[in-house]
Amino acid sequence: MATTLLKRQNEMKRLEKQREKAERRGQKKLASRAQNEPPVEKINSADNEASRATIAAPSQSEPHI
């Protein structure tokens, strides 16, 4: 009986280590992506400003009926 309990404990330790390792890999991947890519906010804010300008320009040049 004691070996069954030890095996179960070892298996639980192994699974926990796997989870921790996968979490660390995910965090490393996110960190490396954040360093390699430009911030998303700057890209989105530039796109939003450009789209607002194109939307605003036609409405000002054409009168509403």
PDB file of N, CA and C in Angstrom:
ATOM      1  N   MET A   1       0.799  -1.194   0.000  1.00  0.00           N
ATOM      2  CA  MET A   1       0.000   0.000   0.000  1.00  0.00           C
ATOM      3  C   MET A   1       0.851   1.272   0.000  1.00  0.00           C
ATOM      4  N   ALA A   2       1.925   1.234   0.679  1.00  0.00           N
ATOM      5  CA  ALA A   2       2.766   2.418   0.789  1.00  0.00           C
ATOM      6  C   ALA A   2       3.323   2.814  -0.577  1.00  0.00           C
ATOM      7  N   THR A   3       3.619   1.812  -1.417  1.00  0.00           N
ATOM      8  CA  THR A   3       4.166   2.146  -2.735  1.00  0.00           C
ATOM      9  C   THR A   3       3.115   2.828  -3.606  1.00  0.00           C
ATOM     10  N   THR A   4       1.845   2.427  -3.463  1.00  0.00           N
ATOM     11  CA  THR A   4       0.782   3.048  -4.236  1.00  0.00           C
ATOM     12  C   THR A   4       0.662   4.527  -3.867  1.00  0.00           C
ATOM     13  N   LEU A   5       0.727   4.823  -2.586  1.00  0.00           N
ATOM     14  CA  LEU A   5       0.651   6.204  -2.128  1.00  0.00           C
ATOM     15  C   LEU A   5       1.851   7.006  -2.630  1.00  0.00           C
ATOM     16  N   LEU A   6       3.031   6.419  -2.566  1.00  0.00           N
ATOM     17  CA  LEU A   6       4.235   7.097  -3.046  1.00  0.00           C
ATOM     18  C   LEU A   6       4.163   7.346  -4.549  1.00  0.00           C
ATOM     19  N   LYS A   7       3.683   6.360  -5.286  1.00  0.00           N
ATOM     20  CA  LYS A   7       3.548   6.527  -6.730  1.00  0.00           C
ATOM     21  C   LYS A   7       2.564   7.649  -7.050  1.00  0.00           C
ATOM     22  N   ARG A   8       1.460   7.684  -6.334  1.00  0.00           N
ATOM     23  CA  ARG A   8       0.463   8.728  -6.551  1.00  0.00           C
ATOM     24  C   ARG A   8       1.054  10.106  -6.229  1.00  0.00           C
ATOM     25  N   GLN A   9       1.804  10.197  -5.137  1.00  0.00           N
ATOM     26  CA  GLN A   9       2.418  11.468  -4.766  1.00  0.00           C
ATOM     27  C   GLN A   9       3.443  11.910  -5.805  1.00  0.00           C
ATOM     28  N   ASN A  10       4.235  10.957  -6.277  1.00  0.00           N
ATOM     29  CA  ASN A  10       5.222  11.279  -7.307  1.00  0.00           C
ATOM     30  C   ASN A  10       4.541  11.732  -8.599  1.00  0.00           C
ATOM     31  N   GLU A  11       3.461  11.070  -8.953  1.00  0.00           N
ATOM     32  CA  GLU A  11       2.713  11.445 -10.146  1.00  0.00           C
ATOM     33  C   GLU A  11       2.141  12.862 -10.012  1.00  0.00           C
ATOM     34  N   MET A  12       1.622  13.181  -8.835  1.00  0.00           N
ATOM     35  CA  MET A  12       1.073  14.523  -8.592  1.00  0.00           C
ATOM     36  C   MET A  12       2.179  15.577  -8.670  1.00  0.00           C
ATOM     37  N   LYS A  13       3.344  15.268  -8.138  1.00  0.00           N
ATOM     38  CA  LYS A  13       4.483  16.191  -8.225  1.00  0.00           C
ATOM     39  C   LYS A  13       4.884  16.404  -9.676  1.00  0.00           C
ATOM     40  N   ARG A  14       4.913  15.322 -10.436  1.00  0.00           N
ATOM     41  CA  ARG A  14       5.289  15.407 -11.840  1.00  0.00           C
ATOM     42  C   ARG A  14       4.303  16.262 -12.623  1.00  0.00           C
ATOM     43  N   LEU A  15       3.020  16.051 -12.388  1.00  0.00           N
ATOM     44  CA  LEU A  15       2.003  16.842 -13.076  1.00  0.00           C
ATOM     45  C   LEU A  15       2.099  18.326 -12.706  1.00  0.00           C
ATOM     46  N   GLU A  16       2.354  18.596 -11.442  1.00  0.00           N
ATOM     47  CA  GLU A  16       2.492  19.985 -10.989  1.00  0.00           C
ATOM     48  C   GLU A  16       3.700  20.653 -11.644  1.00  0.00           C
ATOM     49  N   LYS A  17       4.802  19.909 -11.747  1.00  0.00           N
ATOM     50  CA  LYS A  17       5.991  20.449 -12.409  1.00  0.00           C
ATOM     51  C   LYS A  17       5.698  20.742 -13.883  1.00  0.00           C
ATOM     52  N   GLN A  18       4.950  19.855 -14.532  1.00  0.00           N
ATOM     53  CA  GLN A  18       4.591  20.070 -15.933  1.00  0.00           C
ATOM     54  C   GLN A  18       3.769  21.348 -16.086  1.00  0.00           C
ATOM     55  N   ARG A  19       2.793  21.541 -15.197  1.00  0.00           N
ATOM     56  CA  ARG A  19       1.959  22.742 -15.252  1.00  0.00           C
ATOM     57  C   ARG A  19       2.792  24.002 -15.060  1.00  0.00           C
ATOM     58  N   GLU A  20       3.680  23.968 -14.082  1.00  0.00           N
ATOM     59  CA  GLU A  20       4.532  25.126 -13.810  1.00  0.00           C
ATOM     60  C   GLU A  20       5.443  25.426 -15.004  1.00  0.00           C
ATOM     61  N   LYS A  21       5.986  24.382 -15.591  1.00  0.00           N
ATOM     62  CA  LYS A  21       6.882  24.558 -16.728  1.00  0.00           C
ATOM     63  C   LYS A  21       6.120  25.140 -17.923  1.00  0.00           C
ATOM     64  N   ALA A  22       4.919  24.649 -18.164  1.00  0.00           N
ATOM     65  CA  ALA A  22       4.103  25.169 -19.264  1.00  0.00           C
ATOM     66  C   ALA A  22       3.748  26.638 -19.025  1.00  0.00           C
ATOM     67  N   GLU A  23       3.467  26.981 -17.787  1.00  0.00           N
ATOM     68  CA  GLU A  23       3.149  28.369 -17.450  1.00  0.00           C
ATOM     69  C   GLU A  23       4.362  29.272 -17.679  1.00  0.00           C
ATOM     70  N   ARG A  24       5.537  28.815 -17.276  1.00  0.00           N
ATOM     71  CA  ARG A  24       6.761  29.597 -17.497  1.00  0.00           C
ATOM     72  C   ARG A  24       7.031  29.789 -18.987  1.00  0.00           C
ATOM     73  N   ARG A  25       6.818  28.724 -19.773  1.00  0.00           N
ATOM     74  CA  ARG A  25       7.014  28.839 -21.222  1.00  0.00           C
ATOM     75  C   ARG A  25       6.059  29.864 -21.815  1.00  0.00           C
ATOM     76  N   GLY A  26       4.814  29.839 -21.371  1.00  0.00           N
ATOM     77  CA  GLY A  26       3.831  30.803 -21.859  1.00  0.00           C
ATOM     78  C   GLY A  26       4.206  32.228 -21.503  1.00  0.00           C
ATOM     79  N   GLN A  27       4.691  32.436 -20.286  1.00  0.00           N
ATOM     80  CA  GLN A  27       5.099  33.773 -19.865  1.00  0.00           C
ATOM     81  C   GLN A  27       6.312  34.249 -20.665  1.00  0.00           C
ATOM     82  N   LYS A  28       7.249  33.345 -20.925  1.00  0.00           N
ATOM     83  CA  LYS A  28       8.427  33.703 -21.722  1.00  0.00           C
ATOM     84  C   LYS A  28       8.015  34.081 -23.139  1.00  0.00           C
ATOM     85  N   LYS A  29       7.070  33.318 -23.688  1.00  0.00           N
ATOM     86  CA  LYS A  29       6.607  33.576 -25.046  1.00  0.00           C
ATOM     87  C   LYS A  29       5.947  34.949 -25.125  1.00  0.00           C
ATOM     88  N   LEU A  30       5.110  35.278 -24.150  1.00  0.00           N
ATOM     89  CA  LEU A  30       4.459  36.585 -24.128  1.00  0.00           C
ATOM     90  C   LEU A  30       5.476  37.703 -23.965  1.00  0.00           C
ATOM     91  N   ALA A  31       6.462  37.487 -23.116  1.00  0.00           N
ATOM     92  CA  ALA A  31       7.484  38.507 -22.887  1.00  0.00           C
ATOM     93  C   ALA A  31       8.308  38.747 -24.149  1.00  0.00           C
ATOM     94  N   SER A  32       8.656  37.696 -24.853  1.00  0.00           N
ATOM     95  CA  SER A  32       9.456  37.856 -26.066  1.00  0.00           C
ATOM     96  C   SER A  32       8.631  38.522 -27.163  1.00  0.00           C
ATOM     97  N   ARG A  33       7.350  38.220 -27.234  1.00  0.00           N
ATOM     98  CA  ARG A  33       6.493  38.878 -28.226  1.00  0.00           C
ATOM     99  C   ARG A  33       6.361  40.359 -27.920  1.00  0.00           C
ATOM    100  N   ALA A  34       6.249  40.696 -26.657  1.00  0.00           N
ATOM    101  CA  ALA A  34       6.114  42.096 -26.258  1.00  0.00           C
ATOM    102  C   ALA A  34       7.372  42.881 -26.610  1.00  0.00           C
ATOM    103  N   GLN A  35       8.527  42.266 -26.527  1.00  0.00           N
ATOM    104  CA  GLN A  35       9.779  42.946 -26.849  1.00  0.00           C
ATOM    105  C   GLN A  35       9.967  43.089 -28.356  1.00  0.00           C
ATOM    106  N   ASN A  36       9.523  42.105 -29.124  1.00  0.00           N
ATOM    107  CA  ASN A  36       9.768  42.094 -30.559  1.00  0.00           C
ATOM    108  C   ASN A  36       8.758  42.900 -31.365  1.00  0.00           C
ATOM    109  N   GLU A  37       7.538  43.052 -30.875  1.00  0.00           N
ATOM    110  CA  GLU A  37       6.498  43.744 -31.620  1.00  0.00           C
ATOM    111  C   GLU A  37       6.295  45.151 -31.077  1.00  0.00           C
ATOM    112  N   PRO A  38       5.923  46.087 -31.952  1.00  0.00           N
ATOM    113  CA  PRO A  38       5.619  47.433 -31.452  1.00  0.00           C
ATOM    114  C   PRO A  38       4.330  47.392 -30.634  1.00  0.00           C
ATOM    115  N   PRO A  39       4.164  48.318 -29.727  1.00  0.00           N
ATOM    116  CA  PRO A  39       2.947  48.328 -28.906  1.00  0.00           C
ATOM    117  C   PRO A  39       1.693  48.427 -29.764  1.00  0.00           C
ATOM    118  N   VAL A  40       0.690  47.690 -29.406  1.00  0.00           N
ATOM    119  CA  VAL A  40      -0.554  47.633 -30.160  1.00  0.00           C
ATOM    120  C   VAL A  40      -1.300  48.959 -30.072  1.00  0.00           C
ATOM    121  N   GLU A  41      -1.210  49.644 -28.954  1.00  0.00           N
ATOM    122  CA  GLU A  41      -1.945  50.884 -28.756  1.00  0.00           C
ATOM    123  C   GLU A  41      -1.543  51.931 -29.784  1.00  0.00           C
ATOM    124  N   LYS A  42      -0.254  52.050 -30.083  1.00  0.00           N
ATOM    125  CA  LYS A  42       0.201  53.042 -31.044  1.00  0.00           C
ATOM    126  C   LYS A  42      -0.333  52.736 -32.433  1.00  0.00           C
ATOM    127  N   ILE A  43      -0.327  51.486 -32.822  1.00  0.00           N
ATOM    128  CA  ILE A  43      -0.825  51.096 -34.134  1.00  0.00           C
ATOM    129  C   ILE A  43      -2.318  51.385 -34.219  1.00  0.00           C
ATOM    130  N   ASN A  44      -3.066  50.987 -33.223  1.00  0.00           N
ATOM    131  CA  ASN A  44      -4.505  51.183 -33.234  1.00  0.00           C
ATOM    132  C   ASN A  44      -4.873  52.656 -33.191  1.00  0.00           C
ATOM    133  N   SER A  45      -4.178  53.464 -32.409  1.00  0.00           N
ATOM    134  CA  SER A  45      -4.520  54.874 -32.316  1.00  0.00           C
ATOM    135  C   SER A  45      -4.255  55.568 -33.647  1.00  0.00           C
ATOM    136  N   ALA A  46      -3.195  55.201 -34.358  1.00  0.00           N
ATOM    137  CA  ALA A  46      -2.911  55.790 -35.664  1.00  0.00           C
ATOM    138  C   ALA A  46      -3.978  55.376 -36.673  1.00  0.00           C
ATOM    139  N   ASP A  47      -4.396  54.119 -36.638  1.00  0.00           N
ATOM    140  CA  ASP A  47      -5.439  53.648 -37.540  1.00  0.00           C
ATOM    141  C   ASP A  47      -6.757  54.346 -37.259  1.00  0.00           C
ATOM    142  N   ASN A  48      -7.085  54.526 -35.978  1.00  0.00           N
ATOM    143  CA  ASN A  48      -8.338  55.179 -35.623  1.00  0.00           C
ATOM    144  C   ASN A  48      -8.352  56.625 -36.081  1.00  0.00           C
ATOM    145  N   GLU A  49      -7.236  57.331 -35.926  1.00  0.00           N
ATOM    146  CA  GLU A  49      -7.162  58.721 -36.353  1.00  0.00           C
ATOM    147  C   GLU A  49      -7.304  58.824 -37.865  1.00  0.00           C
ATOM    148  N   ALA A  50      -6.683  57.926 -38.602  1.00  0.00           N
ATOM    149  CA  ALA A  50      -6.771  57.946 -40.057  1.00  0.00           C
ATOM    150  C   ALA A  50      -8.190  57.642 -40.515  1.00  0.00           C
ATOM    151  N   SER A  51      -8.838  56.679 -39.893  1.00  0.00           N
ATOM    152  CA  SER A  51     -10.199  56.337 -40.283  1.00  0.00           C
ATOM    153  C   SER A  51     -11.162  57.463 -39.936  1.00  0.00           C
ATOM    154  N   ARG A  52     -10.941  58.145 -38.821  1.00  0.00           N
ATOM    155  CA  ARG A  52     -11.793  59.279 -38.463  1.00  0.00           C
ATOM    156  C   ARG A  52     -11.639  60.400 -39.478  1.00  0.00           C
ATOM    157  N   ALA A  53     -10.427  60.640 -39.937  1.00  0.00           N
ATOM    158  CA  ALA A  53     -10.181  61.699 -40.904  1.00  0.00           C
ATOM    159  C   ALA A  53     -10.861  61.386 -42.231  1.00  0.00           C
ATOM    160  N   THR A  54     -10.806  60.138 -42.680  1.00  0.00           N
ATOM    161  CA  THR A  54     -11.440  59.783 -43.951  1.00  0.00           C
ATOM    162  C   THR A  54     -12.949  59.804 -43.826  1.00  0.00           C
ATOM    163  N   ILE A  55     -13.478  59.471 -42.691  1.00  0.00           N
ATOM    164  CA  ILE A  55     -14.925  59.518 -42.491  1.00  0.00           C
ATOM    165  C   ILE A  55     -15.393  60.965 -42.403  1.00  0.00           C
ATOM    166  N   ALA A  56     -14.638  61.808 -41.734  1.00  0.00           N
ATOM    167  CA  ALA A  56     -15.025  63.197 -41.547  1.00  0.00           C
ATOM    168  C   ALA A  56     -14.876  63.990 -42.840  1.00  0.00           C
ATOM    169  N   ALA A  57     -13.904  63.701 -43.669  1.00  0.00           N
ATOM    170  CA  ALA A  57     -13.650  64.477 -44.876  1.00  0.00           C
ATOM    171  C   ALA A  57     -14.808  64.423 -45.873  1.00  0.00           C
ATOM    172  N   PRO A  58     -15.358  63.291 -46.243  1.00  0.00           N
ATOM    173  CA  PRO A  58     -16.452  63.287 -47.214  1.00  0.00           C
ATOM    174  C   PRO A  58     -17.715  63.973 -46.691  1.00  0.00           C
ATOM    175  N   SER A  59     -18.005  63.855 -45.410  1.00  0.00           N
ATOM    176  CA  SER A  59     -19.224  64.452 -44.881  1.00  0.00           C
ATOM    177  C   SER A  59     -19.144  65.976 -44.881  1.00  0.00           C
ATOM    178  N   GLN A  60     -17.933  66.534 -44.755  1.00  0.00           N
ATOM    179  CA  GLN A  60     -17.780  67.985 -44.761  1.00  0.00           C
ATOM    180  C   GLN A  60     -17.861  68.541 -46.188  1.00  0.00           C
ATOM    181  N   SER A  61     -17.386  67.786 -47.176  1.00  0.00           N
ATOM    182  CA  SER A  61     -17.364  68.297 -48.543  1.00  0.00           C
ATOM    183  C   SER A  61     -18.729  68.154 -49.232  1.00  0.00           C
ATOM    184  N   GLU A  62     -19.546  67.192 -48.829  1.00  0.00           N
ATOM    185  CA  GLU A  62     -20.849  66.997 -49.428  1.00  0.00           C
ATOM    186  C   GLU A  62     -21.930  67.522 -48.503  1.00  0.00           C
ATOM    187  N   PRO A  63     -22.815  68.378 -48.971  1.00  0.00           N
ATOM    188  CA  PRO A  63     -23.894  68.875 -48.115  1.00  0.00           C
ATOM    189  C   PRO A  63     -24.960  67.806 -47.906  1.00  0.00           C
ATOM    190  N   HIS A  64     -25.569  67.834 -46.728  1.00  0.00           N
ATOM    191  CA  HIS A  64     -26.652  66.896 -46.411  1.00  0.00           C
ATOM    192  C   HIS A  64     -27.952  67.428 -46.987  1.00  0.00           C
ATOM    193  N   ILE A  65     -28.766  66.570 -47.486  1.00  0.00           N
ATOM    194  CA  ILE A  65     -30.057  66.978 -48.060  1.00  0.00           C
ATOM    195  C   ILE A  65     -31.178  66.720 -47.086  1.00  0.00           C
TER     196      ILE A  65
END
